[in-house]
């Protein structure tokens, strides 16, 4: 059960990391465009 819970948390965090990467890429692109 603990292993399954940990895997679910890891998957959720991986999803958050991917979202943050996309936001970072968008912010960099916007900054480059603005510059």
ModelCIF file with pLDDT and N, C-alpha, C, O atoms, coordinates in Angstrom:
data_MODEL
#
_entry.id   MODEL 
#
_entity.id                         1 
_entity.type                       polymer 
_entity.pdbx_number_of_molecules   1 
#
_entity_poly.entity_id                      1 
_entity_poly.type                           'polypeptide(L)' 
_entity_poly.nstd_linkage                   no 
_entity_poly.nstd_monomer                   no 
_entity_poly.pdbx_seq_one_letter_code       
;(UNK)(UNK)(UNK)(UNK)(UNK)(UNK)(UNK)(UNK)(UNK)(UNK)(UNK)(UNK)(UNK)(UNK)(UNK)(UNK)
(UNK)(UNK)(UNK)(UNK)(UNK)(UNK)(UNK)(UNK)(UNK)(UNK)(UNK)(UNK)(UNK)(UNK)(UNK)(UNK)
(UNK)(UNK)(UNK)
;
_entity_poly.pdbx_seq_one_letter_code_can   XXXXXXXXXXXXXXXXXXXXXXXXXXXXXXXXXXX 
_entity_poly.pdbx_strand_id                 A 
#
loop_
_entity_poly_seq.entity_id 
_entity_poly_seq.num 
_entity_poly_seq.mon_id 
_entity_poly_seq.hetero 
1 1  UNK n 
1 2  UNK n 
1 3  UNK n 
1 4  UNK n 
1 5  UNK n 
1 6  UNK n 
1 7  UNK n 
1 8  UNK n 
1 9  UNK n 
1 10 UNK n 
1 11 UNK n 
1 12 UNK n 
1 13 UNK n 
1 14 UNK n 
1 15 UNK n 
1 16 UNK n 
1 17 UNK n 
1 18 UNK n 
1 19 UNK n 
1 20 UNK n 
1 21 UNK n 
1 22 UNK n 
1 23 UNK n 
1 24 UNK n 
1 25 UNK n 
1 26 UNK n 
1 27 UNK n 
1 28 UNK n 
1 29 UNK n 
1 30 UNK n 
1 31 UNK n 
1 32 UNK n 
1 33 UNK n 
1 34 UNK n 
1 35 UNK n 
#
_struct_asym.id          A 
_struct_asym.entity_id   1 
#
loop_
_ma_qa_metric.id 
_ma_qa_metric.mode 
_ma_qa_metric.name 
_ma_qa_metric.software_group_id 
_ma_qa_metric.type 
1 global pLDDT . pLDDT 
2 local  pLDDT . pLDDT 
#
_ma_qa_metric_global.metric_id      1 
_ma_qa_metric_global.metric_value   95.94 
_ma_qa_metric_global.model_id       1 
_ma_qa_metric_global.ordinal_id     1 
#
loop_
_ma_qa_metric_local.label_asym_id 
_ma_qa_metric_local.label_comp_id 
_ma_qa_metric_local.label_seq_id 
_ma_qa_metric_local.metric_id 
_ma_qa_metric_local.metric_value 
_ma_qa_metric_local.model_id 
_ma_qa_metric_local.ordinal_id 
A UNK 1  2 97.00 1 1  
A UNK 2  2 97.00 1 2  
A UNK 3  2 97.00 1 3  
A UNK 4  2 97.00 1 4  
A UNK 5  2 97.00 1 5  
A UNK 6  2 97.00 1 6  
A UNK 7  2 97.00 1 7  
A UNK 8  2 97.00 1 8  
A UNK 9  2 97.00 1 9  
A UNK 10 2 97.00 1 10 
A UNK 11 2 97.00 1 11 
A UNK 12 2 97.00 1 12 
A UNK 13 2 98.00 1 13 
A UNK 14 2 97.00 1 14 
A UNK 15 2 97.00 1 15 
A UNK 16 2 97.00 1 16 
A UNK 17 2 98.00 1 17 
A UNK 18 2 97.00 1 18 
A UNK 19 2 97.00 1 19 
A UNK 20 2 97.00 1 20 
A UNK 21 2 97.00 1 21 
A UNK 22 2 97.00 1 22 
A UNK 23 2 97.00 1 23 
A UNK 24 2 97.00 1 24 
A UNK 25 2 96.00 1 25 
A UNK 26 2 95.00 1 26 
A UNK 27 2 95.00 1 27 
A UNK 28 2 95.00 1 28 
A UNK 29 2 95.00 1 29 
A UNK 30 2 93.00 1 30 
A UNK 31 2 93.00 1 31 
A UNK 32 2 94.00 1 32 
A UNK 33 2 93.00 1 33 
A UNK 34 2 90.00 1 34 
A UNK 35 2 89.00 1 35 
#
loop_
_atom_site.group_PDB 
_atom_site.id 
_atom_site.type_symbol 
_atom_site.label_atom_id 
_atom_site.label_alt_id 
_atom_site.label_comp_id 
_atom_site.label_asym_id 
_atom_site.label_entity_id 
_atom_site.label_seq_id 
_atom_site.pdbx_PDB_ins_code 
_atom_site.Cartn_x 
_atom_site.Cartn_y 
_atom_site.Cartn_z 
_atom_site.occupancy 
_atom_site.B_iso_or_equiv 
_atom_site.pdbx_formal_charge 
_atom_site.auth_seq_id 
_atom_site.auth_comp_id 
_atom_site.auth_asym_id 
_atom_site.auth_atom_id 
_atom_site.pdbx_PDB_model_num 
ATOM 1   N N  . UNK A 1 1  ? 0.832  -1.202 0.000   1.00 97.00 ? 1  UNK A N  1 
ATOM 2   C CA . UNK A 1 1  ? 0.000  0.000  0.000   1.00 97.00 ? 1  UNK A CA 1 
ATOM 3   C C  . UNK A 1 1  ? 0.868  1.254  0.000   1.00 97.00 ? 1  UNK A C  1 
ATOM 4   O O  . UNK A 1 1  ? 0.626  2.188  -0.764  1.00 97.00 ? 1  UNK A O  1 
ATOM 5   N N  . UNK A 1 2  ? 1.878  1.264  0.863   1.00 97.00 ? 2  UNK A N  1 
ATOM 6   C CA . UNK A 1 2  ? 2.769  2.428  0.930   1.00 97.00 ? 2  UNK A CA 1 
ATOM 7   C C  . UNK A 1 2  ? 3.512  2.625  -0.385  1.00 97.00 ? 2  UNK A C  1 
ATOM 8   O O  . UNK A 1 2  ? 3.703  3.753  -0.840  1.00 97.00 ? 2  UNK A O  1 
ATOM 9   N N  . UNK A 1 3  ? 3.925  1.522  -0.985  1.00 97.00 ? 3  UNK A N  1 
ATOM 10  C CA . UNK A 1 3  ? 4.627  1.610  -2.267  1.00 97.00 ? 3  UNK A CA 1 
ATOM 11  C C  . UNK A 1 3  ? 3.697  2.187  -3.335  1.00 97.00 ? 3  UNK A C  1 
ATOM 12  O O  . UNK A 1 3  ? 4.099  3.038  -4.128  1.00 97.00 ? 3  UNK A O  1 
ATOM 13  N N  . UNK A 1 4  ? 2.461  1.716  -3.344  1.00 97.00 ? 4  UNK A N  1 
ATOM 14  C CA . UNK A 1 4  ? 1.479  2.218  -4.317  1.00 97.00 ? 4  UNK A CA 1 
ATOM 15  C C  . UNK A 1 4  ? 1.204  3.704  -4.093  1.00 97.00 ? 4  UNK A C  1 
ATOM 16  O O  . UNK A 1 4  ? 1.107  4.475  -5.048  1.00 97.00 ? 4  UNK A O  1 
ATOM 17  N N  . UNK A 1 5  ? 1.078  4.100  -2.821  1.00 97.00 ? 5  UNK A N  1 
ATOM 18  C CA . UNK A 1 5  ? 0.859  5.508  -2.514  1.00 97.00 ? 5  UNK A CA 1 
ATOM 19  C C  . UNK A 1 5  ? 2.052  6.352  -2.964  1.00 97.00 ? 5  UNK A C  1 
ATOM 20  O O  . UNK A 1 5  ? 1.886  7.439  -3.516  1.00 97.00 ? 5  UNK A O  1 
ATOM 21  N N  . UNK A 1 6  ? 3.258  5.831  -2.718  1.00 97.00 ? 6  UNK A N  1 
ATOM 22  C CA . UNK A 1 6  ? 4.460  6.553  -3.129  1.00 97.00 ? 6  UNK A CA 1 
ATOM 23  C C  . UNK A 1 6  ? 4.518  6.677  -4.651  1.00 97.00 ? 6  UNK A C  1 
ATOM 24  O O  . UNK A 1 6  ? 4.872  7.734  -5.174  1.00 97.00 ? 6  UNK A O  1 
ATOM 25  N N  . UNK A 1 7  ? 4.175  5.614  -5.355  1.00 97.00 ? 7  UNK A N  1 
ATOM 26  C CA . UNK A 1 7  ? 4.178  5.676  -6.819  1.00 97.00 ? 7  UNK A CA 1 
ATOM 27  C C  . UNK A 1 7  ? 3.156  6.699  -7.327  1.00 97.00 ? 7  UNK A C  1 
ATOM 28  O O  . UNK A 1 7  ? 3.418  7.417  -8.292  1.00 97.00 ? 7  UNK A O  1 
ATOM 29  N N  . UNK A 1 8  ? 1.998  6.760  -6.676  1.00 97.00 ? 8  UNK A N  1 
ATOM 30  C CA . UNK A 1 8  ? 0.967  7.729  -7.077  1.00 97.00 ? 8  UNK A CA 1 
ATOM 31  C C  . UNK A 1 8  ? 1.471  9.154  -6.834  1.00 97.00 ? 8  UNK A C  1 
ATOM 32  O O  . UNK A 1 8  ? 1.260  10.037 -7.664  1.00 97.00 ? 8  UNK A O  1 
ATOM 33  N N  . UNK A 1 9  ? 2.133  9.375  -5.701  1.00 97.00 ? 9  UNK A N  1 
ATOM 34  C CA . UNK A 1 9  ? 2.678  10.702 -5.405  1.00 97.00 ? 9  UNK A CA 1 
ATOM 35  C C  . UNK A 1 9  ? 3.767  11.080 -6.405  1.00 97.00 ? 9  UNK A C  1 
ATOM 36  O O  . UNK A 1 9  ? 3.837  12.221 -6.862  1.00 97.00 ? 9  UNK A O  1 
ATOM 37  N N  . UNK A 1 10 ? 4.607  10.116 -6.735  1.00 97.00 ? 10 UNK A N  1 
ATOM 38  C CA . UNK A 1 10 ? 5.677  10.370 -7.709  1.00 97.00 ? 10 UNK A CA 1 
ATOM 39  C C  . UNK A 1 10 ? 5.077  10.722 -9.065  1.00 97.00 ? 10 UNK A C  1 
ATOM 40  O O  . UNK A 1 10 ? 5.529  11.660 -9.722  1.00 97.00 ? 10 UNK A O  1 
ATOM 41  N N  . UNK A 1 11 ? 4.059  9.971  -9.485  1.00 97.00 ? 11 UNK A N  1 
ATOM 42  C CA . UNK A 1 11 ? 3.415  10.258 -10.773 1.00 97.00 ? 11 UNK A CA 1 
ATOM 43  C C  . UNK A 1 11 ? 2.803  11.653 -10.762 1.00 97.00 ? 11 UNK A C  1 
ATOM 44  O O  . UNK A 1 11 ? 2.904  12.388 -11.744 1.00 97.00 ? 11 UNK A O  1 
ATOM 45  N N  . UNK A 1 12 ? 2.167  12.019 -9.650  1.00 97.00 ? 12 UNK A N  1 
ATOM 46  C CA . UNK A 1 12 ? 1.566  13.338 -9.539  1.00 97.00 ? 12 UNK A CA 1 
ATOM 47  C C  . UNK A 1 12 ? 2.644  14.422 -9.611  1.00 97.00 ? 12 UNK A C  1 
ATOM 48  O O  . UNK A 1 12 ? 2.484  15.423 -10.308 1.00 97.00 ? 12 UNK A O  1 
ATOM 49  N N  . UNK A 1 13 ? 3.742  14.211 -8.882  1.00 98.00 ? 13 UNK A N  1 
ATOM 50  C CA . UNK A 1 13 ? 4.837  15.181 -8.900  1.00 98.00 ? 13 UNK A CA 1 
ATOM 51  C C  . UNK A 1 13 ? 5.488  15.269 -10.281 1.00 98.00 ? 13 UNK A C  1 
ATOM 52  O O  . UNK A 1 13 ? 5.894  16.350 -10.708 1.00 98.00 ? 13 UNK A O  1 
ATOM 53  N N  . UNK A 1 14 ? 5.588  14.151 -10.969 1.00 97.00 ? 14 UNK A N  1 
ATOM 54  C CA . UNK A 1 14 ? 6.135  14.181 -12.331 1.00 97.00 ? 14 UNK A CA 1 
ATOM 55  C C  . UNK A 1 14 ? 5.236  15.009 -13.246 1.00 97.00 ? 14 UNK A C  1 
ATOM 56  O O  . UNK A 1 14 ? 5.722  15.738 -14.112 1.00 97.00 ? 14 UNK A O  1 
ATOM 57  N N  . UNK A 1 15 ? 3.916  14.892 -13.048 1.00 97.00 ? 15 UNK A N  1 
ATOM 58  C CA . UNK A 1 15 ? 2.980  15.698 -13.821 1.00 97.00 ? 15 UNK A CA 1 
ATOM 59  C C  . UNK A 1 15 ? 3.151  17.177 -13.523 1.00 97.00 ? 15 UNK A C  1 
ATOM 60  O O  . UNK A 1 15 ? 3.104  18.008 -14.430 1.00 97.00 ? 15 UNK A O  1 
ATOM 61  N N  . UNK A 1 16 ? 3.352  17.509 -12.237 1.00 97.00 ? 16 UNK A N  1 
ATOM 62  C CA . UNK A 1 16 ? 3.569  18.902 -11.849 1.00 97.00 ? 16 UNK A CA 1 
ATOM 63  C C  . UNK A 1 16 ? 4.868  19.418 -12.466 1.00 97.00 ? 16 UNK A C  1 
ATOM 64  O O  . UNK A 1 16 ? 4.921  20.545 -12.959 1.00 97.00 ? 16 UNK A O  1 
ATOM 65  N N  . UNK A 1 17 ? 5.900  18.602 -12.437 1.00 98.00 ? 17 UNK A N  1 
ATOM 66  C CA . UNK A 1 17 ? 7.194  19.004 -13.014 1.00 98.00 ? 17 UNK A CA 1 
ATOM 67  C C  . UNK A 1 17 ? 7.048  19.277 -14.507 1.00 98.00 ? 17 UNK A C  1 
ATOM 68  O O  . UNK A 1 17 ? 7.591  20.257 -15.018 1.00 98.00 ? 17 UNK A O  1 
ATOM 69  N N  . UNK A 1 18 ? 6.315  18.411 -15.207 1.00 97.00 ? 18 UNK A N  1 
ATOM 70  C CA . UNK A 1 18 ? 6.113  18.618 -16.643 1.00 97.00 ? 18 UNK A CA 1 
ATOM 71  C C  . UNK A 1 18 ? 5.357  19.915 -16.906 1.00 97.00 ? 18 UNK A C  1 
ATOM 72  O O  . UNK A 1 18 ? 5.678  20.655 -17.836 1.00 97.00 ? 18 UNK A O  1 
ATOM 73  N N  . UNK A 1 19 ? 4.346  20.183 -16.076 1.00 97.00 ? 19 UNK A N  1 
ATOM 74  C CA . UNK A 1 19 ? 3.591  21.444 -16.228 1.00 97.00 ? 19 UNK A CA 1 
ATOM 75  C C  . UNK A 1 19 ? 4.502  22.645 -16.001 1.00 97.00 ? 19 UNK A C  1 
ATOM 76  O O  . UNK A 1 19 ? 4.449  23.631 -16.735 1.00 97.00 ? 19 UNK A O  1 
ATOM 77  N N  . UNK A 1 20 ? 5.336  22.543 -14.973 1.00 97.00 ? 20 UNK A N  1 
ATOM 78  C CA . UNK A 1 20 ? 6.265  23.645 -14.684 1.00 97.00 ? 20 UNK A CA 1 
ATOM 79  C C  . UNK A 1 20 ? 7.283  23.829 -15.808 1.00 97.00 ? 20 UNK A C  1 
ATOM 80  O O  . UNK A 1 20 ? 7.663  24.957 -16.121 1.00 97.00 ? 20 UNK A O  1 
ATOM 81  N N  . UNK A 1 21 ? 7.718  22.746 -16.407 1.00 97.00 ? 21 UNK A N  1 
ATOM 82  C CA . UNK A 1 21 ? 8.657  22.844 -17.537 1.00 97.00 ? 21 UNK A CA 1 
ATOM 83  C C  . UNK A 1 21 ? 7.996  23.571 -18.703 1.00 97.00 ? 21 UNK A C  1 
ATOM 84  O O  . UNK A 1 21 ? 8.613  24.416 -19.351 1.00 97.00 ? 21 UNK A O  1 
ATOM 85  N N  . UNK A 1 22 ? 6.725  23.231 -18.963 1.00 97.00 ? 22 UNK A N  1 
ATOM 86  C CA . UNK A 1 22 ? 5.992  23.885 -20.049 1.00 97.00 ? 22 UNK A CA 1 
ATOM 87  C C  . UNK A 1 22 ? 5.835  25.367 -19.747 1.00 97.00 ? 22 UNK A C  1 
ATOM 88  O O  . UNK A 1 22 ? 6.047  26.209 -20.619 1.00 97.00 ? 22 UNK A O  1 
ATOM 89  N N  . UNK A 1 23 ? 5.455  25.694 -18.485 1.00 97.00 ? 23 UNK A N  1 
ATOM 90  C CA . UNK A 1 23 ? 5.310  27.100 -18.104 1.00 97.00 ? 23 UNK A CA 1 
ATOM 91  C C  . UNK A 1 23 ? 6.641  27.836 -18.222 1.00 97.00 ? 23 UNK A C  1 
ATOM 92  O O  . UNK A 1 23 ? 6.679  28.981 -18.672 1.00 97.00 ? 23 UNK A O  1 
ATOM 93  N N  . UNK A 1 24 ? 7.726  27.189 -17.823 1.00 97.00 ? 24 UNK A N  1 
ATOM 94  C CA . UNK A 1 24 ? 9.053  27.805 -17.921 1.00 97.00 ? 24 UNK A CA 1 
ATOM 95  C C  . UNK A 1 24 ? 9.428  28.049 -19.373 1.00 97.00 ? 24 UNK A C  1 
ATOM 96  O O  . UNK A 1 24 ? 9.959  29.107 -19.713 1.00 97.00 ? 24 UNK A O  1 
ATOM 97  N N  . UNK A 1 25 ? 9.154  27.079 -20.226 1.00 96.00 ? 25 UNK A N  1 
ATOM 98  C CA . UNK A 1 25 ? 9.462  27.239 -21.653 1.00 96.00 ? 25 UNK A CA 1 
ATOM 99  C C  . UNK A 1 25 ? 8.635  28.381 -22.242 1.00 96.00 ? 25 UNK A C  1 
ATOM 100 O O  . UNK A 1 25 ? 9.140  29.185 -23.025 1.00 96.00 ? 25 UNK A O  1 
ATOM 101 N N  . UNK A 1 26 ? 7.352  28.443 -21.853 1.00 95.00 ? 26 UNK A N  1 
ATOM 102 C CA . UNK A 1 26 ? 6.496  29.535 -22.334 1.00 95.00 ? 26 UNK A CA 1 
ATOM 103 C C  . UNK A 1 26 ? 7.006  30.885 -21.831 1.00 95.00 ? 26 UNK A C  1 
ATOM 104 O O  . UNK A 1 26 ? 7.027  31.859 -22.583 1.00 95.00 ? 26 UNK A O  1 
ATOM 105 N N  . UNK A 1 27 ? 7.418  30.947 -20.556 1.00 95.00 ? 27 UNK A N  1 
ATOM 106 C CA . UNK A 1 27 ? 7.922  32.197 -19.984 1.00 95.00 ? 27 UNK A CA 1 
ATOM 107 C C  . UNK A 1 27 ? 9.216  32.614 -20.673 1.00 95.00 ? 27 UNK A C  1 
ATOM 108 O O  . UNK A 1 27 ? 9.416  33.800 -20.936 1.00 95.00 ? 27 UNK A O  1 
ATOM 109 N N  . UNK A 1 28 ? 10.092 31.666 -20.966 1.00 95.00 ? 28 UNK A N  1 
ATOM 110 C CA . UNK A 1 28 ? 11.345 31.977 -21.662 1.00 95.00 ? 28 UNK A CA 1 
ATOM 111 C C  . UNK A 1 28 ? 11.061 32.505 -23.068 1.00 95.00 ? 28 UNK A C  1 
ATOM 112 O O  . UNK A 1 28 ? 11.670 33.474 -23.524 1.00 95.00 ? 28 UNK A O  1 
ATOM 113 N N  . UNK A 1 29 ? 10.121 31.840 -23.739 1.00 95.00 ? 29 UNK A N  1 
ATOM 114 C CA . UNK A 1 29 ? 9.765  32.267 -25.088 1.00 95.00 ? 29 UNK A CA 1 
ATOM 115 C C  . UNK A 1 29 ? 9.176  33.676 -25.058 1.00 95.00 ? 29 UNK A C  1 
ATOM 116 O O  . UNK A 1 29 ? 9.490  34.507 -25.910 1.00 95.00 ? 29 UNK A O  1 
ATOM 117 N N  . UNK A 1 30 ? 8.305  33.941 -24.049 1.00 93.00 ? 30 UNK A N  1 
ATOM 118 C CA . UNK A 1 30 ? 7.705  35.271 -23.930 1.00 93.00 ? 30 UNK A CA 1 
ATOM 119 C C  . UNK A 1 30 ? 8.777  36.318 -23.617 1.00 93.00 ? 30 UNK A C  1 
ATOM 120 O O  . UNK A 1 30 ? 8.736  37.429 -24.144 1.00 93.00 ? 30 UNK A O  1 
ATOM 121 N N  . UNK A 1 31 ? 9.729  35.961 -22.764 1.00 93.00 ? 31 UNK A N  1 
ATOM 122 C CA . UNK A 1 31 ? 10.807 36.890 -22.416 1.00 93.00 ? 31 UNK A CA 1 
ATOM 123 C C  . UNK A 1 31 ? 11.683 37.159 -23.623 1.00 93.00 ? 31 UNK A C  1 
ATOM 124 O O  . UNK A 1 31 ? 12.090 38.297 -23.860 1.00 93.00 ? 31 UNK A O  1 
ATOM 125 N N  . UNK A 1 32 ? 11.976 36.115 -24.387 1.00 94.00 ? 32 UNK A N  1 
ATOM 126 C CA . UNK A 1 32 ? 12.793 36.290 -25.593 1.00 94.00 ? 32 UNK A CA 1 
ATOM 127 C C  . UNK A 1 32 ? 12.057 37.164 -26.593 1.00 94.00 ? 32 UNK A C  1 
ATOM 128 O O  . UNK A 1 32 ? 12.663 38.048 -27.200 1.00 94.00 ? 32 UNK A O  1 
ATOM 129 N N  . UNK A 1 33 ? 10.777 36.937 -26.775 1.00 93.00 ? 33 UNK A N  1 
ATOM 130 C CA . UNK A 1 33 ? 9.969  37.735 -27.698 1.00 93.00 ? 33 UNK A CA 1 
ATOM 131 C C  . UNK A 1 33 ? 9.936  39.194 -27.235 1.00 93.00 ? 33 UNK A C  1 
ATOM 132 O O  . UNK A 1 33 ? 10.070 40.114 -28.041 1.00 93.00 ? 33 UNK A O  1 
ATOM 133 N N  . UNK A 1 34 ? 9.756  39.389 -25.935 1.00 90.00 ? 34 UNK A N  1 
ATOM 134 C CA . UNK A 1 34 ? 9.715  40.761 -25.405 1.00 90.00 ? 34 UNK A CA 1 
ATOM 135 C C  . UNK A 1 34 ? 11.055 41.447 -25.574 1.00 90.00 ? 34 UNK A C  1 
ATOM 136 O O  . UNK A 1 34 ? 11.099 42.625 -25.929 1.00 90.00 ? 34 UNK A O  1 
ATOM 137 N N  . UNK A 1 35 ? 12.146 40.743 -25.332 1.00 89.00 ? 35 UNK A N  1 
ATOM 138 C CA . UNK A 1 35 ? 13.486 41.304 -25.486 1.00 89.00 ? 35 UNK A CA 1 
ATOM 139 C C  . UNK A 1 35 ? 13.752 41.665 -26.951 1.00 89.00 ? 35 UNK A C  1 
ATOM 140 O O  . UNK A 1 35 ? 14.833 42.153 -27.280 1.00 89.00 ? 35 UNK A O  1 
#
